Amino acid sequence: MENALANIFRGGVTAGFKSILFTAKLSFVDETFSDASNTILPSANGQNGLIPSYSVNDLMACYSFSKQVKIKQE
């Protein structure tokens, strides 16, 4: 079935100690078909074919100098 993903995962974890905080996130999307015929090879116009799976990783660090001042790196 077109655009019906078998698997989608989005999750993350945050850990910290005193003034330092780290966050790691992962997003995964499974492959899917762009047409009802489940065409694997893409057509010349790009409207039919398999859309590949992909994942995105995200890391973030935060340091708190005080309750009012923080530095973040994403």
PDB file of N, CA and C in Angstrom:
ATOM      1  N   MET A   1       0.853  -1.178   0.000  1.00  0.00           N
ATOM      2  CA  MET A   1       0.000   0.000   0.000  1.00  0.00           C
ATOM      3  C   MET A   1       0.899   1.241   0.000  1.00  0.00           C
ATOM      4  N   GLU A   2       0.584   2.194  -0.839  1.00  0.00           N
ATOM      5  CA  GLU A   2       1.413   3.383  -0.946  1.00  0.00           C
ATOM      6  C   GLU A   2       1.305   4.260   0.309  1.00  0.00           C
ATOM      7  N   ASN A   3       2.424   4.843   0.656  1.00  0.00           N
ATOM      8  CA  ASN A   3       2.541   5.765   1.793  1.00  0.00           C
ATOM      9  C   ASN A   3       2.061   5.185   3.114  1.00  0.00           C
ATOM     10  N   ALA A   4       2.076   3.858   3.261  1.00  0.00           N
ATOM     11  CA  ALA A   4       1.750   3.200   4.530  1.00  0.00           C
ATOM     12  C   ALA A   4       3.054   2.640   5.100  1.00  0.00           C
ATOM     13  N   LEU A   5       3.624   3.325   6.045  1.00  0.00           N
ATOM     14  CA  LEU A   5       4.912   2.928   6.598  1.00  0.00           C
ATOM     15  C   LEU A   5       4.748   1.762   7.558  1.00  0.00           C
ATOM     16  N   ALA A   6       5.632   0.777   7.440  1.00  0.00           N
ATOM     17  CA  ALA A   6       5.596  -0.368   8.347  1.00  0.00           C
ATOM     18  C   ALA A   6       6.174   0.001   9.710  1.00  0.00           C
ATOM     19  N   ASN A   7       7.191   0.849   9.730  1.00  0.00           N
ATOM     20  CA  ASN A   7       7.850   1.206  10.994  1.00  0.00           C
ATOM     21  C   ASN A   7       8.197   2.672  11.034  1.00  0.00           C
ATOM     22  N   ILE A   8       7.881   3.279  12.144  1.00  0.00           N
ATOM     23  CA  ILE A   8       8.338   4.632  12.459  1.00  0.00           C
ATOM     24  C   ILE A   8       8.790   4.600  13.915  1.00  0.00           C
ATOM     25  N   PHE A   9       9.996   5.086  14.181  1.00  0.00           N
ATOM     26  CA  PHE A   9      10.487   5.142  15.551  1.00  0.00           C
ATOM     27  C   PHE A   9      11.038   6.532  15.825  1.00  0.00           C
ATOM     28  N   ARG A  10      10.610   7.100  16.922  1.00  0.00           N
ATOM     29  CA  ARG A  10      11.165   8.371  17.390  1.00  0.00           C
ATOM     30  C   ARG A  10      11.367   8.234  18.891  1.00  0.00           C
ATOM     31  N   GLY A  11      12.591   8.432  19.321  1.00  0.00           N
ATOM     32  CA  GLY A  11      12.877   8.283  20.742  1.00  0.00           C
ATOM     33  C   GLY A  11      14.106   9.068  21.124  1.00  0.00           C
ATOM     34  N   GLY A  12      14.288   9.214  22.418  1.00  0.00           N
ATOM     35  CA  GLY A  12      15.441   9.948  22.896  1.00  0.00           C
ATOM     36  C   GLY A  12      15.688   9.699  24.363  1.00  0.00           C
ATOM     37  N   VAL A  13      16.825  10.152  24.799  1.00  0.00           N
ATOM     38  CA  VAL A  13      17.200  10.017  26.197  1.00  0.00           C
ATOM     39  C   VAL A  13      17.911  11.292  26.633  1.00  0.00           C
ATOM     40  N   THR A  14      17.655  11.694  27.865  1.00  0.00           N
ATOM     41  CA  THR A  14      18.306  12.864  28.445  1.00  0.00           C
ATOM     42  C   THR A  14      18.967  12.451  29.748  1.00  0.00           C
ATOM     43  N   ALA A  15      20.204  12.875  29.933  1.00  0.00           N
ATOM     44  CA  ALA A  15      20.935  12.581  31.161  1.00  0.00           C
ATOM     45  C   ALA A  15      21.713  13.824  31.569  1.00  0.00           C
ATOM     46  N   GLY A  16      21.829  14.017  32.856  1.00  0.00           N
ATOM     47  CA  GLY A  16      22.558  15.182  33.330  1.00  0.00           C
ATOM     48  C   GLY A  16      23.110  14.984  34.720  1.00  0.00           C
ATOM     49  N   PHE A  17      24.029  15.851  35.059  1.00  0.00           N
ATOM     50  CA  PHE A  17      24.615  15.864  36.385  1.00  0.00           C
ATOM     51  C   PHE A  17      24.982  17.298  36.714  1.00  0.00           C
ATOM     52  N   LYS A  18      24.437  17.781  37.793  1.00  0.00           N
ATOM     53  CA  LYS A  18      24.645  19.155  38.260  1.00  0.00           C
ATOM     54  C   LYS A  18      24.294  20.151  37.164  1.00  0.00           C
ATOM     55  N   SER A  19      25.252  20.836  36.566  1.00  0.00           N
ATOM     56  CA  SER A  19      24.981  21.906  35.598  1.00  0.00           C
ATOM     57  C   SER A  19      25.046  21.462  34.144  1.00  0.00           C
ATOM     58  N   ILE A  20      25.358  20.196  33.909  1.00  0.00           N
ATOM     59  CA  ILE A  20      25.523  19.706  32.532  1.00  0.00           C
ATOM     60  C   ILE A  20      24.361  18.774  32.181  1.00  0.00           C
ATOM     61  N   LEU A  21      23.817  18.944  30.971  1.00  0.00           N
ATOM     62  CA  LEU A  21      22.700  18.135  30.497  1.00  0.00           C
ATOM     63  C   LEU A  21      22.978  17.700  29.058  1.00  0.00           C
ATOM     64  N   PHE A  22      22.816  16.414  28.762  1.00  0.00           N
ATOM     65  CA  PHE A  22      23.006  15.871  27.424  1.00  0.00           C
ATOM     66  C   PHE A  22      21.704  15.224  26.963  1.00  0.00           C
ATOM     67  N   THR A  23      21.361  15.419  25.681  1.00  0.00           N
ATOM     68  CA  THR A  23      20.182  14.799  25.093  1.00  0.00           C
ATOM     69  C   THR A  23      20.569  14.187  23.752  1.00  0.00           C
ATOM     70  N   ALA A  24      20.138  12.946  23.530  1.00  0.00           N
ATOM     71  CA  ALA A  24      20.345  12.260  22.256  1.00  0.00           C
ATOM     72  C   ALA A  24      18.980  11.811  21.748  1.00  0.00           C
ATOM     73  N   LYS A  25      18.700  12.087  20.458  1.00  0.00           N
ATOM     74  CA  LYS A  25      17.420  11.712  19.866  1.00  0.00           C
ATOM     75  C   LYS A  25      17.658  10.973  18.553  1.00  0.00           C
ATOM     76  N   LEU A  26      16.756  10.038  18.251  1.00  0.00           N
ATOM     77  CA  LEU A  26      16.814   9.264  17.014  1.00  0.00           C
ATOM     78  C   LEU A  26      15.426   9.236  16.396  1.00  0.00           C
ATOM     79  N   SER A  27      15.372   9.461  15.094  1.00  0.00           N
ATOM     80  CA  SER A  27      14.129   9.352  14.335  1.00  0.00           C
ATOM     81  C   SER A  27      14.396   8.446  13.139  1.00  0.00           C
ATOM     82  N   PHE A  28      13.585   7.391  12.990  1.00  0.00           N
ATOM     83  CA  PHE A  28      13.734   6.446  11.888  1.00  0.00           C
ATOM     84  C   PHE A  28      12.393   6.293  11.186  1.00  0.00           C
ATOM     85  N   VAL A  29      12.409   6.367   9.853  1.00  0.00           N
ATOM     86  CA  VAL A  29      11.219   6.173   9.030  1.00  0.00           C
ATOM     87  C   VAL A  29      11.534   5.084   8.017  1.00  0.00           C
ATOM     88  N   ASP A  30      10.671   4.061   7.967  1.00  0.00           N
ATOM     89  CA  ASP A  30      10.870   2.916   7.085  1.00  0.00           C
ATOM     90  C   ASP A  30      10.570   3.279   5.627  1.00  0.00           C
ATOM     91  N   GLU A  31      11.024   2.429   4.712  1.00  0.00           N
ATOM     92  CA  GLU A  31      10.766   2.662   3.289  1.00  0.00           C
ATOM     93  C   GLU A  31       9.280   2.507   2.983  1.00  0.00           C
ATOM     94  N   THR A  32       8.854   3.152   1.915  1.00  0.00           N
ATOM     95  CA  THR A  32       7.463   3.066   1.487  1.00  0.00           C
ATOM     96  C   THR A  32       7.380   3.235  -0.019  1.00  0.00           C
ATOM     97  N   PHE A  33       6.261   2.894  -0.579  1.00  0.00           N
ATOM     98  CA  PHE A  33       6.037   3.052  -2.017  1.00  0.00           C
ATOM     99  C   PHE A  33       5.266   4.341  -2.274  1.00  0.00           C
ATOM    100  N   SER A  34       5.565   4.985  -3.382  1.00  0.00           N
ATOM    101  CA  SER A  34       4.888   6.241  -3.714  1.00  0.00           C
ATOM    102  C   SER A  34       3.655   6.036  -4.585  1.00  0.00           C
ATOM    103  N   ASP A  35       3.413   4.786  -4.997  1.00  0.00           N
ATOM    104  CA  ASP A  35       2.244   4.524  -5.848  1.00  0.00           C
ATOM    105  C   ASP A  35       1.572   3.223  -5.425  1.00  0.00           C
ATOM    106  N   ALA A  36       0.316   3.050  -5.825  1.00  0.00           N
ATOM    107  CA  ALA A  36      -0.467   1.877  -5.435  1.00  0.00           C
ATOM    108  C   ALA A  36       0.026   0.592  -6.088  1.00  0.00           C
ATOM    109  N   SER A  37       0.795   0.666  -7.157  1.00  0.00           N
ATOM    110  CA  SER A  37       1.313  -0.527  -7.834  1.00  0.00           C
ATOM    111  C   SER A  37       2.554  -1.096  -7.157  1.00  0.00           C
ATOM    112  N   ASN A  38       3.065  -0.397  -6.138  1.00  0.00           N
ATOM    113  CA  ASN A  38       4.285  -0.801  -5.425  1.00  0.00           C
ATOM    114  C   ASN A  38       5.470  -0.960  -6.375  1.00  0.00           C
ATOM    115  N   THR A  39       5.642   0.010  -7.235  1.00  0.00           N
ATOM    116  CA  THR A  39       6.742   0.026  -8.191  1.00  0.00           C
ATOM    117  C   THR A  39       8.053   0.241  -7.450  1.00  0.00           C
ATOM    118  N   ILE A  40       9.018  -0.642  -7.692  1.00  0.00           N
ATOM    119  CA  ILE A  40      10.305  -0.525  -7.005  1.00  0.00           C
ATOM    120  C   ILE A  40      11.224   0.454  -7.730  1.00  0.00           C
ATOM    121  N   LEU A  41      11.357   0.300  -9.044  1.00  0.00           N
ATOM    122  CA  LEU A  41      12.227   1.192  -9.814  1.00  0.00           C
ATOM    123  C   LEU A  41      11.516   2.512 -10.077  1.00  0.00           C
ATOM    124  N   PRO A  42      12.202   3.621  -9.906  1.00  0.00           N
ATOM    125  CA  PRO A  42      11.561   4.923 -10.140  1.00  0.00           C
ATOM    126  C   PRO A  42      11.268   5.152 -11.618  1.00  0.00           C
ATOM    127  N   SER A  43      10.205   5.877 -11.879  1.00  0.00           N
ATOM    128  CA  SER A  43       9.862   6.232 -13.262  1.00  0.00           C
ATOM    129  C   SER A  43      10.680   7.446 -13.683  1.00  0.00           C
ATOM    130  N   ALA A  44      10.667   7.738 -14.959  1.00  0.00           N
ATOM    131  CA  ALA A  44      11.436   8.863 -15.487  1.00  0.00           C
ATOM    132  C   ALA A  44      10.977  10.202 -14.901  1.00  0.00           C
ATOM    133  N   ASN A  45       9.674  10.318 -14.620  1.00  0.00           N
ATOM    134  CA  ASN A  45       9.174  11.585 -14.081  1.00  0.00           C
ATOM    135  C   ASN A  45       9.284  11.663 -12.554  1.00  0.00           C
ATOM    136  N   GLY A  46       9.701  10.577 -11.901  1.00  0.00           N
ATOM    137  CA  GLY A  46       9.921  10.593 -10.461  1.00  0.00           C
ATOM    138  C   GLY A  46       8.665  10.471  -9.619  1.00  0.00           C
ATOM    139  N   GLN A  47       7.525  10.177 -10.228  1.00  0.00           N
ATOM    140  CA  GLN A  47       6.287  10.070  -9.464  1.00  0.00           C
ATOM    141  C   GLN A  47       6.058   8.678  -8.902  1.00  0.00           C
ATOM    142  N   ASN A  48       6.662   7.649  -9.466  1.00  0.00           N
ATOM    143  CA  ASN A  48       6.504   6.279  -8.998  1.00  0.00           C
ATOM    144  C   ASN A  48       7.842   5.751  -8.527  1.00  0.00           C
ATOM    145  N   GLY A  49       7.790   4.824  -7.588  1.00  0.00           N
ATOM    146  CA  GLY A  49       9.016   4.196  -7.123  1.00  0.00           C
ATOM    147  C   GLY A  49       9.060   4.061  -5.621  1.00  0.00           C
ATOM    148  N   LEU A  50      10.108   3.421  -5.163  1.00  0.00           N
ATOM    149  CA  LEU A  50      10.322   3.176  -3.743  1.00  0.00           C
ATOM    150  C   LEU A  50      10.967   4.398  -3.093  1.00  0.00           C
ATOM    151  N   ILE A  51      10.398   4.854  -1.988  1.00  0.00           N
ATOM    152  CA  ILE A  51      11.000   5.928  -1.196  1.00  0.00           C
ATOM    153  C   ILE A  51      11.836   5.239  -0.118  1.00  0.00           C
ATOM    154  N   PRO A  52      13.155   5.439  -0.104  1.00  0.00           N
ATOM    155  CA  PRO A  52      14.007   4.702   0.828  1.00  0.00           C
ATOM    156  C   PRO A  52      13.792   5.134   2.283  1.00  0.00           C
ATOM    157  N   SER A  53      14.182   4.250   3.185  1.00  0.00           N
ATOM    158  CA  SER A  53      14.118   4.584   4.611  1.00  0.00           C
ATOM    159  C   SER A  53      15.217   5.599   4.941  1.00  0.00           C
ATOM    160  N   TYR A  54      15.042   6.281   6.066  1.00  0.00           N
ATOM    161  CA  TYR A  54      16.056   7.238   6.503  1.00  0.00           C
ATOM    162  C   TYR A  54      16.008   7.383   8.016  1.00  0.00           C
ATOM    163  N   SER A  55      17.091   7.877   8.566  1.00  0.00           N
ATOM    164  CA  SER A  55      17.146   8.145  10.004  1.00  0.00           C
ATOM    165  C   SER A  55      17.841   9.479  10.229  1.00  0.00           C
ATOM    166  N   VAL A  56      17.471  10.106  11.323  1.00  0.00           N
ATOM    167  CA  VAL A  56      18.051  11.390  11.722  1.00  0.00           C
ATOM    168  C   VAL A  56      18.493  11.256  13.172  1.00  0.00           C
ATOM    169  N   ASN A  57      19.745  11.604  13.447  1.00  0.00           N
ATOM    170  CA  ASN A  57      20.285  11.603  14.805  1.00  0.00           C
ATOM    171  C   ASN A  57      20.497  13.037  15.254  1.00  0.00           C
ATOM    172  N   ASP A  58      20.217  13.299  16.519  1.00  0.00           N
ATOM    173  CA  ASP A  58      20.347  14.648  17.048  1.00  0.00           C
ATOM    174  C   ASP A  58      20.993  14.575  18.421  1.00  0.00           C
ATOM    175  N   LEU A  59      22.036  15.371  18.624  1.00  0.00           N
ATOM    176  CA  LEU A  59      22.701  15.463  19.918  1.00  0.00           C
ATOM    177  C   LEU A  59      22.643  16.897  20.419  1.00  0.00           C
ATOM    178  N   MET A  60      22.444  17.053  21.722  1.00  0.00           N
ATOM    179  CA  MET A  60      22.375  18.391  22.303  1.00  0.00           C
ATOM    180  C   MET A  60      23.070  18.371  23.660  1.00  0.00           C
ATOM    181  N   ALA A  61      23.799  19.429  23.941  1.00  0.00           N
ATOM    182  CA  ALA A  61      24.444  19.599  25.237  1.00  0.00           C
ATOM    183  C   ALA A  61      24.070  20.966  25.793  1.00  0.00           C
ATOM    184  N   CYS A  62      23.882  21.022  27.103  1.00  0.00           N
ATOM    185  CA  CYS A  62      23.496  22.273  27.747  1.00  0.00           C
ATOM    186  C   CYS A  62      24.292  22.427  29.042  1.00  0.00           C
ATOM    187  N   TYR A  63      24.817  23.617  29.258  1.00  0.00           N
ATOM    188  CA  TYR A  63      25.514  23.935  30.502  1.00  0.00           C
ATOM    189  C   TYR A  63      24.837  25.133  31.143  1.00  0.00           C
ATOM    190  N   SER A  64      24.466  24.991  32.404  1.00  0.00           N
ATOM    191  CA  SER A  64      23.789  26.073  33.129  1.00  0.00           C
ATOM    192  C   SER A  64      24.771  26.760  34.067  1.00  0.00           C
ATOM    193  N   PHE A  65      24.988  28.051  33.834  1.00  0.00           N
ATOM    194  CA  PHE A  65      25.807  28.847  34.738  1.00  0.00           C
ATOM    195  C   PHE A  65      24.996  29.236  35.962  1.00  0.00           C
ATOM    196  N   SER A  66      23.722  29.522  35.733  1.00  0.00           N
ATOM    197  CA  SER A  66      22.775  29.871  36.793  1.00  0.00           C
ATOM    198  C   SER A  66      21.375  29.589  36.244  1.00  0.00           C
ATOM    199  N   LYS A  67      20.323  29.914  37.013  1.00  0.00           N
ATOM    200  CA  LYS A  67      18.961  29.704  36.527  1.00  0.00           C
ATOM    201  C   LYS A  67      18.623  30.620  35.365  1.00  0.00           C
ATOM    202  N   GLN A  68      19.320  31.746  35.232  1.00  0.00           N
ATOM    203  CA  GLN A  68      19.038  32.705  34.173  1.00  0.00           C
ATOM    204  C   GLN A  68      19.947  32.550  32.951  1.00  0.00           C
ATOM    205  N   VAL A  69      21.124  31.940  33.106  1.00  0.00           N
ATOM    206  CA  VAL A  69      22.107  31.883  32.019  1.00  0.00           C
ATOM    207  C   VAL A  69      22.443  30.433  31.681  1.00  0.00           C
ATOM    208  N   LYS A  70      22.192  30.060  30.401  1.00  0.00           N
ATOM    209  CA  LYS A  70      22.499  28.714  29.927  1.00  0.00           C
ATOM    210  C   LYS A  70      23.152  28.806  28.552  1.00  0.00           C
ATOM    211  N   ILE A  71      23.990  27.838  28.235  1.00  0.00           N
ATOM    212  CA  ILE A  71      24.581  27.719  26.919  1.00  0.00           C
ATOM    213  C   ILE A  71      24.139  26.371  26.351  1.00  0.00           C
ATOM    214  N   LYS A  72      23.618  26.380  25.122  1.00  0.00           N
ATOM    215  CA  LYS A  72      23.185  25.158  24.460  1.00  0.00           C
ATOM    216  C   LYS A  72      23.924  24.990  23.148  1.00  0.00           C
ATOM    217  N   GLN A  73      24.275  23.748  22.850  1.00  0.00           N
ATOM    218  CA  GLN A  73      24.866  23.385  21.562  1.00  0.00           C
ATOM    219  C   GLN A  73      24.007  22.264  20.985  1.00  0.00           C
ATOM    220  N   GLU A  74      23.336  22.544  19.873  1.00  0.00           N
ATOM    221  CA  GLU A  74      22.467  21.542  19.250  1.00  0.00           C
ATOM    222  C   GLU A  74      23.030  21.111  17.926  1.00  0.00           C
TER     223      GLU A  74
END
